[in-house]
């Protein structure tokens, strides 16, 4: 933060800022190209900041965070002393005696004691209001005179600025403006041509987008079919393992040679016990075989569908490639055309500049007599006339 020198001519202005920034941040963010900023100070907790400029006049705008903010002139409040009720200084710098706020007389009061005299203003010498109240007519007059002087200064500033703005352009400025308008017209024509080309290619782009959506849908369906195939294969393996286990259980145990045969009753009992189990196992094995056949058939069908979908996907990819190549060739042709148009425009600009230079070079040759030298009154001697006689001969 830079300190101000009392001798330098300075001015102050107020701007609105963000509420969370410090004085150092404001000093780094604020700048003006014409006037130097000496100091920045926040006005309390509000979103206002006071700027001091190194100039007698406050500028109208200031750059802040890549924005242009208007600067309002700073109007400080008049200092009123609460001790003697006079303007121009504060209590800590007051050399006068303490005056009562109620009656305007110098007298001592104890703590929490109220003055019982009549209300009297020591500023305007009238009764009915205090010396520090805003209803005092003397303070109102001072405010109105200050506001009128501020308005006059603002009007004078506006007049001086408006007079500087109303200046006529020179011929060179007009020529540059005409050339700029011609170049802008050419740029508009090129932009219109480019917009027409883009509008012609819009249906092609819409078709390509539709085909891309279809390709995405086909890839999703293929992924789903692959997942179903994996689940079917897992079920097939589980069923085959169950079938093998059931077959191993159904294998009869062959009795070794020399084994004693049991009685017929025991054999009949064992046969009656084992026959229902064997029948249930046979039915389970049959059901498992049927399920395995069904799953095998479904897997074959899904495999065929996968093959057809892959073929469709390959065909669509090939078509998409061919269309993208054709679209790219069209874009290249359009870019070449645009480059040719830009080259023609640059050539036209160069020819225009050459013509302007030629016109400027030809202007001094066709000057009027008032612009150039005045015509000479001396005539050349006539050589054809005879010489005058010498000595009367």
Protein backbone atom coordinates (compact mmCIF):
# COMPACT_ATOMS: atom_id res chain seq x y z
CA UNK A 1 0.00 0.00 0.00
CA UNK A 2 1.38 3.40 -0.99
CA UNK A 3 1.14 6.42 1.25
CA UNK A 4 -0.12 9.69 -0.14
CA UNK A 5 1.85 12.91 -0.21
CA UNK A 6 -0.03 16.03 0.90
CA UNK A 7 1.44 18.18 -1.87
CA UNK A 8 0.23 15.97 -4.76
CA UNK A 9 -3.16 16.70 -6.32
CA UNK A 10 -5.41 13.71 -5.59
CA UNK A 11 -9.05 12.77 -5.91
CA UNK A 12 -11.24 10.03 -4.47
CA UNK A 13 -13.96 7.76 -5.86
CA UNK A 14 -16.18 4.89 -4.72
CA UNK A 15 -16.81 1.53 -6.48
CA UNK A 16 -18.81 -1.62 -5.68
CA UNK A 17 -16.72 -4.79 -5.13
CA UNK A 18 -17.01 -8.38 -3.93
CA UNK A 19 -17.54 -8.62 -0.15
CA UNK A 20 -14.74 -11.17 0.56
CA UNK A 21 -11.65 -9.36 -0.80
CA UNK A 22 -8.98 -7.57 1.19
CA UNK A 23 -7.30 -4.22 0.53
CA UNK A 24 -4.14 -5.87 -0.87
CA UNK A 25 -6.17 -7.96 -3.32
CA UNK A 26 -8.09 -4.88 -4.44
CA UNK A 27 -4.83 -2.99 -4.97
CA UNK A 28 -3.52 -5.81 -7.19
CA UNK A 29 -6.76 -6.25 -9.18
CA UNK A 30 -7.63 -2.58 -9.78
CA UNK A 31 -5.90 -0.58 -12.51
CA UNK A 32 -6.49 2.32 -14.87
CA UNK A 33 -4.59 3.09 -18.06
CA UNK A 34 -4.66 6.88 -17.73
CA UNK A 35 -4.62 7.58 -13.98
CA UNK A 36 -2.41 6.05 -11.30
CA UNK A 37 -4.16 4.41 -8.32
CA UNK A 38 -2.45 5.36 -5.06
CA UNK A 39 -4.56 3.72 -2.36
CA UNK A 40 -7.59 1.42 -1.95
CA UNK A 41 -9.59 1.04 1.25
CA UNK A 42 -12.76 -0.88 2.07
CA UNK A 43 -15.61 1.11 3.62
CA UNK A 44 -16.35 -1.05 6.64
CA UNK A 45 -18.21 -4.33 6.00
CA UNK A 46 -20.09 -3.05 2.96
CA UNK A 47 -19.38 -3.91 -0.68
CA UNK A 48 -17.94 -0.44 -1.32
CA UNK A 49 -14.29 0.59 -1.63
CA UNK A 50 -12.65 4.03 -1.57
CA UNK A 51 -9.97 4.67 -4.24
CA UNK A 52 -7.53 7.57 -4.26
CA UNK A 53 -6.22 8.65 -7.70
CA UNK A 54 -3.11 10.67 -8.56
CA UNK A 55 -5.09 13.34 -10.43
CA UNK A 56 -7.31 16.31 -9.69
CA UNK A 57 -10.28 14.71 -11.51
CA UNK A 58 -11.69 11.28 -10.75
CA UNK A 59 -11.90 8.95 -13.78
CA UNK A 60 -15.26 7.56 -14.82
CA UNK A 61 -14.29 3.87 -15.01
CA UNK A 62 -11.80 1.42 -13.51
CA UNK A 63 -10.80 -2.12 -14.54
CA UNK A 64 -11.50 -4.73 -11.86
CA UNK A 65 -11.21 -8.53 -12.51
CA UNK A 66 -11.40 -8.03 -16.32
CA UNK A 67 -14.53 -5.90 -15.83
CA UNK A 68 -15.13 -2.18 -16.25
CA UNK A 69 -16.75 -0.62 -13.17
CA UNK A 70 -18.16 2.92 -12.91
CA UNK A 71 -16.53 5.23 -10.38
CA UNK A 72 -18.79 7.46 -8.29
CA UNK A 73 -17.35 10.66 -6.78
CA UNK A 74 -16.62 10.43 -3.05
CA UNK A 75 -18.79 12.72 -0.90
CA UNK A 76 -17.47 12.68 2.69
CA UNK A 77 -19.73 13.61 5.56
CA UNK A 78 -19.09 16.88 7.38
CA UNK A 79 -17.20 16.37 10.64
CA UNK A 80 -19.14 17.56 13.69
CA UNK A 81 -17.51 17.78 17.11
CA UNK A 82 -19.61 16.28 19.91
CA UNK A 83 -17.85 18.46 22.48
CA UNK A 84 -18.37 22.01 21.18
CA UNK A 85 -20.89 21.13 18.37
CA UNK A 86 -18.87 22.91 15.68
CA UNK A 87 -17.87 21.60 12.29
CA UNK A 88 -14.44 20.87 10.86
CA UNK A 89 -12.84 18.79 13.64
CA UNK A 90 -13.46 15.88 16.03
CA UNK A 91 -13.52 15.49 19.83
CA UNK A 92 -9.88 14.40 20.17
CA UNK A 93 -8.69 17.53 18.33
CA UNK A 94 -11.17 19.99 19.94
CA UNK A 95 -9.53 23.01 21.69
CA UNK A 96 -12.82 24.44 23.03
CA UNK A 97 -14.74 23.80 26.23
CA UNK A 98 -17.51 21.23 26.46
CA UNK A 99 -20.97 22.58 25.63
CA UNK A 100 -24.21 20.99 26.79
CA UNK A 101 -26.06 19.21 24.00
CA UNK A 102 -29.48 20.17 25.37
CA UNK A 103 -29.22 23.86 26.23
CA UNK A 104 -25.98 24.95 24.47
CA UNK A 105 -24.48 26.44 27.66
CA UNK A 106 -21.09 25.60 29.20
CA UNK A 107 -21.89 23.93 32.53
CA UNK A 108 -20.75 20.76 34.25
CA UNK A 109 -23.08 17.78 34.68
CA UNK A 110 -22.68 14.75 36.88
CA UNK A 111 -22.91 11.17 35.64
CA UNK A 112 -26.42 10.10 34.57
CA UNK A 113 -27.68 13.65 35.14
CA UNK A 114 -30.16 15.19 32.66
CA UNK A 115 -30.15 18.89 31.79
CA UNK A 116 -33.41 20.57 32.85
CA UNK A 117 -32.98 23.73 30.74
CA UNK A 118 -34.92 24.40 27.53
CA UNK A 119 -33.72 22.80 24.31
CA UNK A 120 -31.47 25.27 22.48
CA UNK A 121 -29.22 24.83 19.39
CA UNK A 122 -25.84 26.55 19.64
CA UNK A 123 -25.28 26.33 15.84
CA UNK A 124 -28.33 28.20 14.49
CA UNK A 125 -29.28 29.93 17.78
CA UNK A 126 -32.84 28.57 17.72
CA UNK A 127 -34.92 26.49 20.12
CA UNK A 128 -36.80 23.26 19.50
CA UNK A 129 -34.00 20.94 18.36
CA UNK A 130 -30.56 19.73 19.45
CA UNK A 131 -27.27 20.91 17.99
CA UNK A 132 -26.48 17.43 16.56
CA UNK A 133 -29.88 16.81 14.92
CA UNK A 134 -30.36 16.69 11.14
CA UNK A 135 -33.35 19.04 11.40
CA UNK A 136 -31.05 22.00 12.03
CA UNK A 137 -31.60 24.54 9.17
CA UNK A 138 -27.96 25.63 9.22
CA UNK A 139 -26.75 22.07 8.51
CA UNK A 140 -29.38 21.68 5.76
CA UNK A 141 -28.12 24.84 4.04
CA UNK A 142 -24.55 23.54 4.11
CA UNK A 143 -25.65 20.21 2.56
CA UNK A 144 -27.64 21.89 -0.23
CA UNK A 145 -24.77 24.26 -1.12
CA UNK A 146 -22.35 21.34 -1.25
CA UNK A 147 -24.67 19.28 -3.48
CA UNK A 148 -25.18 22.22 -5.87
CA UNK A 149 -21.41 22.76 -6.16
CA UNK A 150 -20.92 19.03 -6.90
CA UNK A 151 -23.59 19.19 -9.62
CA UNK A 152 -21.91 22.19 -11.23
CA UNK A 153 -18.54 20.45 -11.33
CA UNK A 154 -20.12 17.32 -12.84
CA UNK A 155 -21.87 19.38 -15.55
CA UNK A 156 -18.65 21.18 -16.45
CA UNK A 157 -16.81 17.87 -16.68
CA UNK A 158 -19.49 16.37 -18.94
CA UNK A 159 -19.40 19.41 -21.25
CA UNK A 160 -15.63 19.25 -21.61
CA UNK A 161 -15.73 15.55 -22.41
CA UNK A 162 -18.59 15.87 -24.91
CA UNK A 163 -16.74 18.68 -26.73
CA UNK A 164 -13.64 16.53 -27.12
CA UNK A 165 -15.71 13.70 -28.55
CA UNK A 166 -17.42 15.77 -31.27
CA UNK A 167 -14.46 16.05 -33.64
CA UNK A 168 -14.63 15.45 -37.37
CA UNK A 169 -12.85 12.57 -39.01
CA UNK A 170 -10.05 13.06 -41.50
CA UNK A 171 -9.93 11.65 -45.04
CA UNK A 172 -7.54 8.90 -44.06
CA UNK A 173 -9.97 7.69 -41.39
CA UNK A 174 -12.80 7.66 -43.92
CA UNK A 175 -10.68 5.66 -46.39
CA UNK A 176 -9.75 3.14 -43.73
CA UNK A 177 -13.41 2.86 -42.67
CA UNK A 178 -14.48 2.23 -46.28
CA UNK A 179 -11.80 -0.42 -46.79
CA UNK A 180 -12.80 -2.08 -43.51
CA UNK A 181 -16.46 -2.10 -44.58
CA UNK A 182 -15.51 -3.69 -47.93
CA UNK A 183 -13.43 -6.38 -46.23
CA UNK A 184 -16.24 -7.04 -43.72
CA UNK A 185 -18.69 -7.43 -46.62
CA UNK A 186 -16.40 -9.99 -48.25
CA UNK A 187 -16.08 -11.86 -44.96
CA UNK A 188 -19.88 -11.92 -44.69
CA UNK A 189 -20.16 -13.42 -48.17
CA UNK A 190 -17.66 -16.16 -47.32
CA UNK A 191 -19.48 -16.92 -44.06
CA UNK A 192 -22.78 -17.16 -45.96
CA UNK A 193 -21.25 -19.59 -48.47
CA UNK A 194 -19.86 -21.71 -45.65
CA UNK A 195 -23.26 -21.76 -43.88
CA UNK A 196 -24.93 -22.95 -47.12
CA UNK A 197 -22.39 -25.77 -47.45
CA UNK A 198 -22.94 -26.86 -43.85
CA UNK A 199 -26.74 -26.81 -44.28
CA UNK A 200 -26.38 -29.01 -47.40
CA UNK A 201 -24.33 -31.56 -45.44
CA UNK A 202 -26.76 -31.76 -42.49
CA UNK A 203 -28.79 -34.76 -43.83
CA UNK A 204 -25.57 -36.74 -44.33
CA UNK A 205 -24.53 -36.11 -40.75
CA UNK A 206 -27.98 -37.12 -39.47
CA UNK A 207 -27.75 -40.43 -41.38
CA UNK A 208 -24.32 -41.12 -39.94
CA UNK A 209 -25.61 -40.47 -36.43
CA UNK A 210 -28.52 -42.89 -36.95
CA UNK A 211 -26.13 -45.59 -38.15
CA UNK A 212 -23.88 -45.05 -35.16
CA UNK A 213 -26.89 -45.52 -32.87
CA UNK A 214 -27.79 -48.77 -34.63
CA UNK A 215 -24.23 -50.03 -34.26
CA UNK A 216 -24.34 -49.32 -30.54
CA UNK A 217 -27.64 -51.22 -30.20
CA UNK A 218 -26.21 -54.23 -32.09
CA UNK A 219 -23.14 -54.33 -29.89
CA UNK A 220 -25.34 -54.27 -26.78
CA UNK A 221 -27.48 -57.17 -28.07
CA UNK A 222 -24.31 -59.16 -28.89
CA UNK A 223 -23.02 -58.61 -25.35
CA UNK A 224 -26.34 -59.83 -23.91
CA UNK A 225 -26.26 -62.98 -26.09
CA UNK A 226 -22.71 -63.72 -25.02
CA UNK A 227 -23.78 -63.49 -21.38
CA UNK A 228 -26.69 -65.92 -21.99
CA UNK A 229 -24.31 -68.36 -23.75
CA UNK A 230 -21.96 -68.30 -20.79
CA UNK A 231 -24.81 -69.02 -18.37
CA UNK A 232 -26.07 -71.89 -20.60
CA UNK A 233 -22.58 -73.41 -20.73
CA UNK A 234 -22.31 -73.25 -16.96
CA UNK A 235 -25.68 -75.02 -16.61
CA UNK A 236 -24.56 -77.66 -19.15
CA UNK A 237 -21.42 -78.40 -17.17
CA UNK A 238 -23.41 -78.63 -13.92
CA UNK A 239 -25.93 -81.05 -15.53
CA UNK A 240 -23.19 -83.23 -17.00
CA UNK A 241 -21.55 -83.53 -13.59
CA UNK A 242 -24.89 -84.53 -12.01
CA UNK A 243 -25.51 -87.14 -14.76
CA UNK A 244 -22.08 -88.66 -14.22
CA UNK A 245 -22.67 -88.86 -10.47
CA UNK A 246 -26.03 -90.59 -10.96
CA UNK A 247 -24.50 -93.10 -13.40
CA UNK A 248 -21.77 -93.94 -10.92
CA UNK A 249 -24.40 -94.57 -8.26
CA UNK A 250 -26.37 -96.93 -10.56
CA UNK A 251 -23.37 -99.19 -11.19
CA UNK A 252 -23.96 -102.53 -9.54
CA UNK A 253 -21.34 -103.90 -7.21
CA UNK A 254 -20.18 -107.32 -8.51
CA UNK A 255 -19.81 -109.90 -5.70
CA UNK A 256 -16.40 -111.61 -5.42
CA UNK A 257 -16.00 -115.39 -6.09
CA UNK A 258 -16.60 -117.75 -3.15
CA UNK A 259 -18.99 -115.31 -1.54
CA UNK A 260 -21.73 -116.95 0.49
CA UNK A 261 -25.13 -116.38 -0.91
CA UNK A 262 -27.73 -115.06 1.42
CA UNK A 263 -31.17 -116.49 1.91
CA UNK A 264 -33.92 -115.84 -0.55
CA UNK A 265 -35.83 -113.74 1.98
CA UNK A 266 -32.96 -111.37 2.53
CA UNK A 267 -32.43 -111.02 -1.22
CA UNK A 268 -36.10 -110.27 -1.76
CA UNK A 269 -36.03 -107.66 1.00
CA UNK A 270 -32.95 -105.95 -0.41
CA UNK A 271 -34.47 -106.01 -3.92
CA UNK A 272 -37.69 -104.45 -2.61
CA UNK A 273 -35.66 -101.73 -0.83
CA UNK A 274 -33.38 -100.83 -3.74
CA UNK A 275 -35.90 -100.94 -6.62
CA UNK A 276 -37.74 -97.60 -5.89
CA UNK A 277 -34.43 -95.76 -5.43
CA UNK A 278 -33.15 -97.01 -8.75
CA UNK A 279 -36.39 -95.94 -10.46
CA UNK A 280 -36.21 -92.39 -9.04
CA UNK A 281 -32.56 -92.11 -10.08
CA UNK A 282 -33.43 -93.24 -13.59
CA UNK A 283 -36.17 -90.64 -13.89
CA UNK A 284 -33.79 -87.93 -12.63
CA UNK A 285 -31.14 -88.95 -15.13
CA UNK A 286 -33.70 -88.89 -17.94
CA UNK A 287 -34.84 -85.39 -16.96
CA UNK A 288 -31.27 -84.17 -16.78
CA UNK A 289 -30.55 -85.59 -20.22
CA UNK A 290 -33.63 -83.84 -21.63
CA UNK A 291 -32.54 -80.54 -20.06
CA UNK A 292 -29.07 -80.98 -21.48
CA UNK A 293 -30.49 -81.57 -24.97
CA UNK A 294 -32.70 -78.47 -24.70
CA UNK A 295 -29.78 -76.34 -23.54
CA UNK A 296 -27.62 -77.70 -26.33
CA UNK A 297 -30.28 -76.76 -28.90
CA UNK A 298 -30.72 -73.28 -27.39
CA UNK A 299 -26.95 -72.77 -27.41
CA UNK A 300 -26.86 -73.74 -31.09
CA UNK A 301 -29.65 -71.25 -31.87
CA UNK A 302 -27.92 -68.47 -29.93
CA UNK A 303 -24.66 -69.27 -31.72
CA UNK A 304 -26.41 -68.93 -35.08
CA UNK A 305 -27.96 -65.62 -33.99
CA UNK A 306 -24.54 -64.42 -32.89
CA UNK A 307 -23.10 -65.27 -36.30
CA UNK A 308 -25.88 -63.39 -38.12
CA UNK A 309 -25.51 -60.37 -35.84
CA UNK A 310 -21.75 -60.32 -36.33
CA UNK A 311 -22.26 -60.41 -40.10
CA UNK A 312 -24.73 -57.51 -39.88
CA UNK A 313 -22.32 -55.56 -37.70
CA UNK A 314 -19.46 -56.08 -40.16
CA UNK A 315 -21.64 -54.93 -43.06
CA UNK A 316 -22.80 -51.84 -41.18
CA UNK A 317 -19.21 -51.01 -40.20
CA UNK A 318 -18.09 -51.29 -43.81
CA UNK A 319 -20.96 -49.04 -44.97
CA UNK A 320 -20.13 -46.55 -42.22
CA UNK A 321 -16.48 -46.48 -43.30
CA UNK A 322 -17.36 -45.85 -46.94
CA UNK A 323 -19.78 -43.07 -46.03
CA UNK A 324 -17.30 -41.42 -43.67
CA UNK A 325 -14.63 -41.53 -46.38
CA UNK A 326 -17.02 -39.92 -48.86
CA UNK A 327 -17.97 -37.28 -46.29
CA UNK A 328 -14.29 -36.60 -45.59
CA UNK A 329 -13.59 -36.13 -49.31
CA UNK A 330 -16.48 -33.67 -49.51
CA UNK A 331 -15.11 -31.76 -46.53
CA UNK A 332 -11.66 -31.61 -48.15
CA UNK A 333 -13.19 -30.25 -51.37
CA UNK A 334 -15.10 -27.61 -49.39
CA UNK A 335 -11.94 -26.61 -47.50
CA UNK A 336 -10.04 -26.20 -50.78
CA UNK A 337 -12.85 -24.01 -52.11
CA UNK A 338 -12.81 -21.90 -48.95
CA UNK A 339 -9.03 -21.51 -49.20
CA UNK A 340 -9.39 -20.42 -52.84
CA UNK A 341 -12.01 -17.84 -51.82
CA UNK A 342 -9.72 -16.57 -49.04
CA UNK A 343 -6.83 -16.26 -51.51
CA UNK A 344 -9.05 -14.34 -53.92
CA UNK A 345 -10.11 -12.02 -51.11
CA UNK A 346 -6.48 -11.38 -50.13
CA UNK A 347 -5.62 -10.65 -53.77
CA UNK A 348 -8.53 -8.21 -53.96
CA UNK A 349 -7.34 -6.49 -50.79
CA UNK A 350 -3.82 -6.13 -52.22
CA UNK A 351 -5.18 -4.67 -55.46
CA UNK A 352 -7.37 -2.24 -53.50
CA UNK A 353 -4.36 -1.12 -51.46
CA UNK A 354 -2.29 -0.66 -54.65
CA UNK A 355 -5.08 1.40 -56.23
CA UNK A 356 -5.33 3.57 -53.10
CA UNK A 357 -1.58 4.21 -53.17
CA UNK A 358 -1.74 5.08 -56.86
CA UNK A 359 -4.63 7.52 -56.24
CA UNK A 360 -2.69 9.16 -53.40
CA UNK A 361 0.37 9.52 -55.66
CA UNK A 362 -1.74 11.10 -58.45
CA UNK A 363 -3.44 13.70 -56.18
CA UNK A 364 -0.55 16.33 -56.13
CA UNK A 365 -0.35 16.30 -59.99
CA UNK A 366 -3.91 17.71 -60.32
CA UNK A 367 -3.65 20.62 -57.90
CA UNK A 368 -5.57 23.87 -58.49
CA UNK A 369 -3.73 27.23 -58.91
CA UNK A 370 -4.80 28.25 -55.42
CA UNK A 371 -3.10 25.15 -53.93
CA UNK A 372 0.13 25.40 -55.99
CA UNK A 373 2.34 28.35 -56.98
CA UNK A 374 0.89 31.56 -58.44
CA UNK A 375 1.36 32.01 -62.22
CA UNK A 376 4.31 34.25 -63.17
CA UNK A 377 3.58 37.58 -64.95
CA UNK A 378 7.00 37.73 -66.69
CA UNK A 379 6.82 36.89 -70.39
CA UNK A 380 9.63 35.28 -72.42
CA UNK A 381 11.29 37.50 -75.06
CA UNK A 382 10.21 37.12 -78.69
CA UNK A 383 13.27 35.91 -80.59
CA UNK A 384 11.60 36.34 -84.01
CA UNK A 385 11.22 40.17 -83.63
CA UNK A 386 14.04 42.35 -85.08
CA UNK A 387 16.57 43.90 -82.77
CA UNK A 388 16.10 47.63 -81.95
CA UNK A 389 18.31 50.11 -83.88
CA UNK A 390 21.55 51.22 -82.33
CA UNK A 391 22.51 54.98 -82.39
CA UNK A 392 19.49 55.94 -84.50
CA UNK A 393 20.41 53.60 -87.39
